[in-house]
């Protein structure tokens, strides 16, 4: 018999997830977190440059998303002790491990858009 008690659960942020996909989507499923990860795929990026690379993101949402990705150990923040302060973000090993999946989603979006909509690739 397959009951809820027989399934493994993931405890995250005081919530139980019975499905790894639901847990993954909680970590990276919103629009901005996935885009931040996508734009960090080539290596460390300065904070201002990263924010400019993401269209229509408010400063508040940018900071919120980055803090959440840091908390979840997908992104690392480095502050350089210079004046003015310089801050860079980069992917952690866990963050790098999700990039192939994000690139597959990007490719799927390209293919789908080409065959169904007007298409212009993201940069």
C-alpha atoms as a PDB file:
ATOM      1  CA  UNK A   1       0.000   0.000   0.000  1.00  0.00           C
ATOM      2  CA  UNK A   2       1.372   3.383  -0.983  1.00  0.00           C
ATOM      3  CA  UNK A   3       0.416   5.919   1.657  1.00  0.00           C
ATOM      4  CA  UNK A   4       1.706   9.406   2.336  1.00  0.00           C
ATOM      5  CA  UNK A   5       3.747   8.016   5.224  1.00  0.00           C
ATOM      6  CA  UNK A   6       5.520   5.615   2.836  1.00  0.00           C
ATOM      7  CA  UNK A   7       6.830   8.454   0.668  1.00  0.00           C
ATOM      8  CA  UNK A   8       9.993  10.366   1.357  1.00  0.00           C
ATOM      9  CA  UNK A   9       9.517  14.029   2.133  1.00  0.00           C
ATOM     10  CA  UNK A  10      11.815  16.996   1.834  1.00  0.00           C
ATOM     11  CA  UNK A  11      11.658  19.465   4.696  1.00  0.00           C
ATOM     12  CA  UNK A  12      12.554  22.949   3.512  1.00  0.00           C
ATOM     13  CA  UNK A  13      11.756  26.317   5.026  1.00  0.00           C
ATOM     14  CA  UNK A  14       9.273  24.743   7.491  1.00  0.00           C
ATOM     15  CA  UNK A  15       7.353  23.095   4.645  1.00  0.00           C
ATOM     16  CA  UNK A  16       7.175  19.482   3.563  1.00  0.00           C
ATOM     17  CA  UNK A  17       7.568  18.587  -0.092  1.00  0.00           C
ATOM     18  CA  UNK A  18       6.466  15.137  -1.179  1.00  0.00           C
ATOM     19  CA  UNK A  19       7.704  15.679  -4.709  1.00  0.00           C
ATOM     20  CA  UNK A  20      11.273  16.594  -5.698  1.00  0.00           C
ATOM     21  CA  UNK A  21       9.928  18.591  -8.668  1.00  0.00           C
ATOM     22  CA  UNK A  22       7.807  20.757  -6.371  1.00  0.00           C
ATOM     23  CA  UNK A  23      10.873  21.322  -4.191  1.00  0.00           C
ATOM     24  CA  UNK A  24      13.035  22.233  -7.220  1.00  0.00           C
ATOM     25  CA  UNK A  25      10.422  24.650  -8.527  1.00  0.00           C
ATOM     26  CA  UNK A  26      10.311  26.274  -5.088  1.00  0.00           C
ATOM     27  CA  UNK A  27      14.067  26.874  -5.348  1.00  0.00           C
ATOM     28  CA  UNK A  28      14.333  28.130  -8.929  1.00  0.00           C
ATOM     29  CA  UNK A  29      10.825  28.230 -10.342  1.00  0.00           C
ATOM     30  CA  UNK A  30      10.113  31.911 -10.283  1.00  0.00           C
ATOM     31  CA  UNK A  31      10.954  34.029 -13.283  1.00  0.00           C
ATOM     32  CA  UNK A  32      13.818  36.006 -11.821  1.00  0.00           C
ATOM     33  CA  UNK A  33      15.718  33.279  -9.986  1.00  0.00           C
ATOM     34  CA  UNK A  34      16.024  31.216 -13.161  1.00  0.00           C
ATOM     35  CA  UNK A  35      17.126  34.267 -15.145  1.00  0.00           C
ATOM     36  CA  UNK A  36      19.737  35.182 -12.542  1.00  0.00           C
ATOM     37  CA  UNK A  37      21.138  31.657 -12.680  1.00  0.00           C
ATOM     38  CA  UNK A  38      21.111  31.791 -16.501  1.00  0.00           C
ATOM     39  CA  UNK A  39      23.051  35.075 -16.542  1.00  0.00           C
ATOM     40  CA  UNK A  40      25.650  33.744 -14.098  1.00  0.00           C
ATOM     41  CA  UNK A  41      26.459  30.697 -16.215  1.00  0.00           C
ATOM     42  CA  UNK A  42      29.614  32.253 -17.722  1.00  0.00           C
ATOM     43  CA  UNK A  43      31.186  33.195 -14.395  1.00  0.00           C
ATOM     44  CA  UNK A  44      31.184  35.925 -11.730  1.00  0.00           C
ATOM     45  CA  UNK A  45      29.215  39.073 -12.543  1.00  0.00           C
ATOM     46  CA  UNK A  46      29.118  42.400 -10.742  1.00  0.00           C
ATOM     47  CA  UNK A  47      25.844  43.234  -9.058  1.00  0.00           C
ATOM     48  CA  UNK A  48      24.902  46.216 -11.245  1.00  0.00           C
ATOM     49  CA  UNK A  49      25.821  44.421 -14.457  1.00  0.00           C
ATOM     50  CA  UNK A  50      23.747  41.400 -13.424  1.00  0.00           C
ATOM     51  CA  UNK A  51      20.713  43.522 -12.618  1.00  0.00           C
ATOM     52  CA  UNK A  52      20.953  45.346 -15.964  1.00  0.00           C
ATOM     53  CA  UNK A  53      21.030  42.016 -17.811  1.00  0.00           C
ATOM     54  CA  UNK A  54      17.563  41.119 -16.493  1.00  0.00           C
ATOM     55  CA  UNK A  55      14.770  43.066 -18.138  1.00  0.00           C
ATOM     56  CA  UNK A  56      11.998  44.571 -15.990  1.00  0.00           C
ATOM     57  CA  UNK A  57      13.314  43.502 -12.592  1.00  0.00           C
ATOM     58  CA  UNK A  58      12.865  45.982  -9.761  1.00  0.00           C
ATOM     59  CA  UNK A  59      15.707  46.571  -7.337  1.00  0.00           C
ATOM     60  CA  UNK A  60      13.624  45.060  -4.545  1.00  0.00           C
ATOM     61  CA  UNK A  61      12.878  41.853  -6.488  1.00  0.00           C
ATOM     62  CA  UNK A  62      16.503  41.611  -7.634  1.00  0.00           C
ATOM     63  CA  UNK A  63      17.790  41.739  -4.061  1.00  0.00           C
ATOM     64  CA  UNK A  64      15.064  39.377  -2.810  1.00  0.00           C
ATOM     65  CA  UNK A  65      15.849  36.803  -5.522  1.00  0.00           C
ATOM     66  CA  UNK A  66      19.604  36.990  -4.968  1.00  0.00           C
ATOM     67  CA  UNK A  67      19.226  36.583  -1.206  1.00  0.00           C
ATOM     68  CA  UNK A  68      16.983  33.566  -1.713  1.00  0.00           C
ATOM     69  CA  UNK A  69      19.494  31.991  -4.119  1.00  0.00           C
ATOM     70  CA  UNK A  70      22.292  32.671  -1.610  1.00  0.00           C
ATOM     71  CA  UNK A  71      20.268  31.152   1.226  1.00  0.00           C
ATOM     72  CA  UNK A  72      19.668  28.060  -0.895  1.00  0.00           C
ATOM     73  CA  UNK A  73      23.411  27.824  -1.653  1.00  0.00           C
ATOM     74  CA  UNK A  74      22.970  28.209  -5.410  1.00  0.00           C
ATOM     75  CA  UNK A  75      24.737  31.583  -5.641  1.00  0.00           C
ATOM     76  CA  UNK A  76      27.750  32.948  -3.790  1.00  0.00           C
ATOM     77  CA  UNK A  77      28.153  36.655  -3.021  1.00  0.00           C
ATOM     78  CA  UNK A  78      31.635  38.141  -2.737  1.00  0.00           C
ATOM     79  CA  UNK A  79      32.242  41.635  -1.376  1.00  0.00           C
ATOM     80  CA  UNK A  80      35.626  43.121  -2.234  1.00  0.00           C
ATOM     81  CA  UNK A  81      37.080  45.499   0.383  1.00  0.00           C
ATOM     82  CA  UNK A  82      37.597  48.469  -1.920  1.00  0.00           C
ATOM     83  CA  UNK A  83      36.110  51.935  -2.098  1.00  0.00           C
ATOM     84  CA  UNK A  84      33.479  52.051  -3.458  1.00  0.00           C
ATOM     85  CA  UNK A  85      32.542  48.479  -2.462  1.00  0.00           C
ATOM     86  CA  UNK A  86      32.484  45.973  -5.294  1.00  0.00           C
ATOM     87  CA  UNK A  87      30.101  43.015  -5.122  1.00  0.00           C
ATOM     88  CA  UNK A  88      30.160  40.008  -7.420  1.00  0.00           C
ATOM     89  CA  UNK A  89      27.861  37.026  -7.666  1.00  0.00           C
ATOM     90  CA  UNK A  90      28.749  33.598  -8.983  1.00  0.00           C
ATOM     91  CA  UNK A  91      27.268  30.145  -9.089  1.00  0.00           C
ATOM     92  CA  UNK A  92      28.178  27.598  -6.441  1.00  0.00           C
ATOM     93  CA  UNK A  93      28.745  23.960  -7.394  1.00  0.00           C
ATOM     94  CA  UNK A  94      25.043  23.328  -6.757  1.00  0.00           C
ATOM     95  CA  UNK A  95      24.135  26.344  -8.902  1.00  0.00           C
ATOM     96  CA  UNK A  96      26.368  25.102 -11.733  1.00  0.00           C
ATOM     97  CA  UNK A  97      24.687  21.705 -11.597  1.00  0.00           C
ATOM     98  CA  UNK A  98      21.294  23.193 -12.553  1.00  0.00           C
ATOM     99  CA  UNK A  99      22.652  25.089 -15.586  1.00  0.00           C
ATOM    100  CA  UNK A 100      22.309  22.191 -18.073  1.00  0.00           C
ATOM    101  CA  UNK A 101      18.632  21.959 -17.161  1.00  0.00           C
ATOM    102  CA  UNK A 102      18.120  25.719 -17.503  1.00  0.00           C
ATOM    103  CA  UNK A 103      19.875  25.587 -20.892  1.00  0.00           C
ATOM    104  CA  UNK A 104      17.525  22.778 -21.964  1.00  0.00           C
ATOM    105  CA  UNK A 105      14.548  24.894 -20.918  1.00  0.00           C
ATOM    106  CA  UNK A 106      16.019  27.789 -22.898  1.00  0.00           C
ATOM    107  CA  UNK A 107      16.412  25.568 -25.975  1.00  0.00           C
ATOM    108  CA  UNK A 108      12.880  24.236 -25.609  1.00  0.00           C
ATOM    109  CA  UNK A 109      11.622  27.825 -25.440  1.00  0.00           C
ATOM    110  CA  UNK A 110      13.554  28.727 -28.587  1.00  0.00           C
ATOM    111  CA  UNK A 111      12.213  25.739 -30.494  1.00  0.00           C
ATOM    112  CA  UNK A 112       8.652  26.290 -29.329  1.00  0.00           C
ATOM    113  CA  UNK A 113       8.765  30.023 -30.069  1.00  0.00           C
ATOM    114  CA  UNK A 114      10.223  29.491 -33.552  1.00  0.00           C
ATOM    115  CA  UNK A 115       7.406  27.189 -34.528  1.00  0.00           C
ATOM    116  CA  UNK A 116       4.539  29.020 -32.805  1.00  0.00           C
ATOM    117  CA  UNK A 117       5.385  32.691 -32.273  1.00  0.00           C
ATOM    118  CA  UNK A 118       7.522  35.567 -33.433  1.00  0.00           C
ATOM    119  CA  UNK A 119      10.991  34.792 -32.167  1.00  0.00           C
ATOM    120  CA  UNK A 120      13.972  36.778 -30.932  1.00  0.00           C
ATOM    121  CA  UNK A 121      16.625  34.936 -28.857  1.00  0.00           C
ATOM    122  CA  UNK A 122      17.602  36.176 -25.399  1.00  0.00           C
ATOM    123  CA  UNK A 123      21.138  37.389 -24.912  1.00  0.00           C
END
